Amino acid sequence: MCRKGLELNIYTYNSLIIVFWKVGNIEQAVRIAMELEAVGIFQDTYTYTTLMDAYCKSGMLDDGMRLLNWMLDRDIMPNTARHNSLMKKYSIEKN
C-alpha cells in the first residue's frame, strides 16, 4: 500500500476502509484492515466499529457478530451507536 514515499497512518487506513465499503467492495475494506498489523499499525475502535457497520449494512450480519464477539473477547468496546445498530439489524434479520 505504501508507494512513492507516502507514509500511511491509522487515519489514512480508516479512510480507505470507508471508501472501499461505500463503493461496495467490503472484501477490499477487510483486506486493508488486516494489512494494518502487517505494517505495524494497530486497529483502533473506530476501525473495528467501521467494519462492523460495513458488515451490517452489507447484509453480512453473521460476520458483524463474529467481529463483535472477537472485539469483546479482547476487551475492545464498540461505541454505543454501532453496537445498537448491529443489535437492531441482527434482531430484525433473525426474526
C-alpha atoms as a PDB file:
ATOM      1  CA  MET A   1       0.000   0.000   0.000  1.00  0.00           C
ATOM      2  CA  CYS A   2       2.917   2.327   0.638  1.00  0.00           C
ATOM      3  CA  ARG A   3       4.275   3.661  -2.643  1.00  0.00           C
ATOM      4  CA  LYS A   4       6.273   6.654  -3.712  1.00  0.00           C
ATOM      5  CA  GLY A   5       7.266   7.502  -0.149  1.00  0.00           C
ATOM      6  CA  LEU A   6       3.721   8.099   1.071  1.00  0.00           C
ATOM      7  CA  GLU A   7       3.537   7.015   4.691  1.00  0.00           C
ATOM      8  CA  LEU A   8       0.087   5.873   5.726  1.00  0.00           C
ATOM      9  CA  ASN A   9      -1.274   6.062   9.254  1.00  0.00           C
ATOM     10  CA  ILE A  10      -4.371   4.778  11.057  1.00  0.00           C
ATOM     11  CA  TYR A  11      -6.446   7.714   9.791  1.00  0.00           C
ATOM     12  CA  THR A  12      -5.490   7.058   6.182  1.00  0.00           C
ATOM     13  CA  TYR A  13      -6.235   3.364   6.511  1.00  0.00           C
ATOM     14  CA  ASN A  14      -9.581   4.022   8.204  1.00  0.00           C
ATOM     15  CA  SER A  15     -10.500   6.394   5.376  1.00  0.00           C
ATOM     16  CA  LEU A  16      -9.585   3.765   2.778  1.00  0.00           C
ATOM     17  CA  ILE A  17     -11.687   1.181   4.595  1.00  0.00           C
ATOM     18  CA  ILE A  18     -14.678   3.527   4.482  1.00  0.00           C
ATOM     19  CA  VAL A  19     -14.171   4.348   0.796  1.00  0.00           C
ATOM     20  CA  PHE A  20     -13.972   0.693  -0.265  1.00  0.00           C
ATOM     21  CA  TRP A  21     -17.000  -0.184   1.837  1.00  0.00           C
ATOM     22  CA  LYS A  22     -19.034   2.740   0.444  1.00  0.00           C
ATOM     23  CA  VAL A  23     -18.312   1.684  -3.151  1.00  0.00           C
ATOM     24  CA  GLY A  24     -19.433  -1.847  -2.325  1.00  0.00           C
ATOM     25  CA  ASN A  25     -16.071  -3.571  -2.022  1.00  0.00           C
ATOM     26  CA  ILE A  26     -16.312  -4.954   1.510  1.00  0.00           C
ATOM     27  CA  GLU A  27     -13.684  -7.601   0.737  1.00  0.00           C
ATOM     28  CA  GLN A  28     -11.062  -4.936  -0.026  1.00  0.00           C
ATOM     29  CA  ALA A  29     -12.083  -2.991   3.078  1.00  0.00           C
ATOM     30  CA  VAL A  30     -11.450  -6.083   5.198  1.00  0.00           C
ATOM     31  CA  ARG A  31      -8.122  -6.763   3.436  1.00  0.00           C
ATOM     32  CA  ILE A  32      -6.975  -3.246   4.231  1.00  0.00           C
ATOM     33  CA  ALA A  33      -7.977  -3.659   7.873  1.00  0.00           C
ATOM     34  CA  MET A  34      -5.990  -6.894   8.069  1.00  0.00           C
ATOM     35  CA  GLU A  35      -2.993  -5.226   6.413  1.00  0.00           C
ATOM     36  CA  LEU A  36      -2.667  -2.751   9.265  1.00  0.00           C
ATOM     37  CA  GLU A  37      -0.910  -5.052  11.698  1.00  0.00           C
ATOM     38  CA  ALA A  38       1.412  -6.324   8.970  1.00  0.00           C
ATOM     39  CA  VAL A  39       2.730  -2.780   8.544  1.00  0.00           C
ATOM     40  CA  GLY A  40       2.938  -2.146  12.290  1.00  0.00           C
ATOM     41  CA  ILE A  41      -0.244  -0.101  12.714  1.00  0.00           C
ATOM     42  CA  PHE A  42      -2.800  -1.393  15.162  1.00  0.00           C
ATOM     43  CA  GLN A  43      -6.504  -1.099  14.501  1.00  0.00           C
ATOM     44  CA  ASP A  44      -8.427   1.182  16.793  1.00  0.00           C
ATOM     45  CA  THR A  45     -12.021   1.055  17.991  1.00  0.00           C
ATOM     46  CA  TYR A  46     -13.024   3.203  15.018  1.00  0.00           C
ATOM     47  CA  THR A  47     -11.550   0.649  12.600  1.00  0.00           C
ATOM     48  CA  TYR A  48     -13.435  -2.212  14.197  1.00  0.00           C
ATOM     49  CA  THR A  49     -16.745  -0.413  14.511  1.00  0.00           C
ATOM     50  CA  THR A  50     -16.485   0.815  10.916  1.00  0.00           C
ATOM     51  CA  LEU A  51     -16.014  -2.789   9.763  1.00  0.00           C
ATOM     52  CA  MET A  52     -18.899  -3.894  11.966  1.00  0.00           C
ATOM     53  CA  ASP A  53     -21.116  -1.226  10.419  1.00  0.00           C
ATOM     54  CA  ALA A  54     -19.960  -2.219   6.926  1.00  0.00           C
ATOM     55  CA  TYR A  55     -20.800  -5.853   7.557  1.00  0.00           C
ATOM     56  CA  CYS A  56     -24.259  -4.973   8.870  1.00  0.00           C
ATOM     57  CA  LYS A  57     -25.142  -2.566   6.091  1.00  0.00           C
ATOM     58  CA  SER A  58     -23.887  -5.089   3.531  1.00  0.00           C
ATOM     59  CA  GLY A  59     -26.176  -7.777   4.931  1.00  0.00           C
ATOM     60  CA  MET A  60     -23.286  -9.726   6.436  1.00  0.00           C
ATOM     61  CA  LEU A  61     -24.719  -9.846   9.944  1.00  0.00           C
ATOM     62  CA  ASP A  62     -23.019 -13.069  10.983  1.00  0.00           C
ATOM     63  CA  ASP A  63     -19.639 -11.540  10.103  1.00  0.00           C
ATOM     64  CA  GLY A  64     -20.594  -8.442  12.089  1.00  0.00           C
ATOM     65  CA  MET A  65     -21.483 -10.594  15.101  1.00  0.00           C
ATOM     66  CA  ARG A  66     -18.232 -12.563  14.799  1.00  0.00           C
ATOM     67  CA  LEU A  67     -16.290  -9.307  14.767  1.00  0.00           C
ATOM     68  CA  LEU A  68     -18.241  -8.006  17.775  1.00  0.00           C
ATOM     69  CA  ASN A  69     -17.530 -11.200  19.727  1.00  0.00           C
ATOM     70  CA  TRP A  70     -13.861 -11.058  18.723  1.00  0.00           C
ATOM     71  CA  MET A  71     -13.702  -7.455  19.962  1.00  0.00           C
ATOM     72  CA  LEU A  72     -15.412  -8.270  23.253  1.00  0.00           C
ATOM     73  CA  ASP A  73     -13.070 -11.230  23.832  1.00  0.00           C
ATOM     74  CA  ARG A  74     -10.197  -8.735  23.646  1.00  0.00           C
ATOM     75  CA  ASP A  75     -11.903  -6.061  25.799  1.00  0.00           C
ATOM     76  CA  ILE A  76     -12.358  -3.746  22.817  1.00  0.00           C
ATOM     77  CA  MET A  77     -15.657  -1.961  23.269  1.00  0.00           C
ATOM     78  CA  PRO A  78     -17.588  -0.711  20.229  1.00  0.00           C
ATOM     79  CA  ASN A  79     -19.218   2.666  20.521  1.00  0.00           C
ATOM     80  CA  THR A  80     -22.826   2.546  21.668  1.00  0.00           C
ATOM     81  CA  ALA A  81     -24.379   3.670  18.385  1.00  0.00           C
ATOM     82  CA  ARG A  82     -22.601   0.992  16.326  1.00  0.00           C
ATOM     83  CA  HIS A  83     -23.350  -1.707  18.887  1.00  0.00           C
ATOM     84  CA  ASN A  84     -27.038  -0.759  18.983  1.00  0.00           C
ATOM     85  CA  SER A  85     -27.167  -0.644  15.180  1.00  0.00           C
ATOM     86  CA  LEU A  86     -25.768  -4.159  14.950  1.00  0.00           C
ATOM     87  CA  MET A  87     -28.152  -5.498  17.581  1.00  0.00           C
ATOM     88  CA  LYS A  88     -31.152  -3.883  15.872  1.00  0.00           C
ATOM     89  CA  LYS A  89     -30.238  -5.201  12.428  1.00  0.00           C
ATOM     90  CA  TYR A  90     -29.450  -8.631  13.817  1.00  0.00           C
ATOM     91  CA  SER A  91     -32.737  -8.923  15.678  1.00  0.00           C
ATOM     92  CA  ILE A  92     -34.737  -7.790  12.610  1.00  0.00           C
ATOM     93  CA  GLU A  93     -32.894 -10.176  10.298  1.00  0.00           C
ATOM     94  CA  LYS A  94     -33.145 -13.170  12.616  1.00  0.00           C
ATOM     95  CA  ASN A  95     -36.903 -12.766  13.302  1.00  0.00           C
END
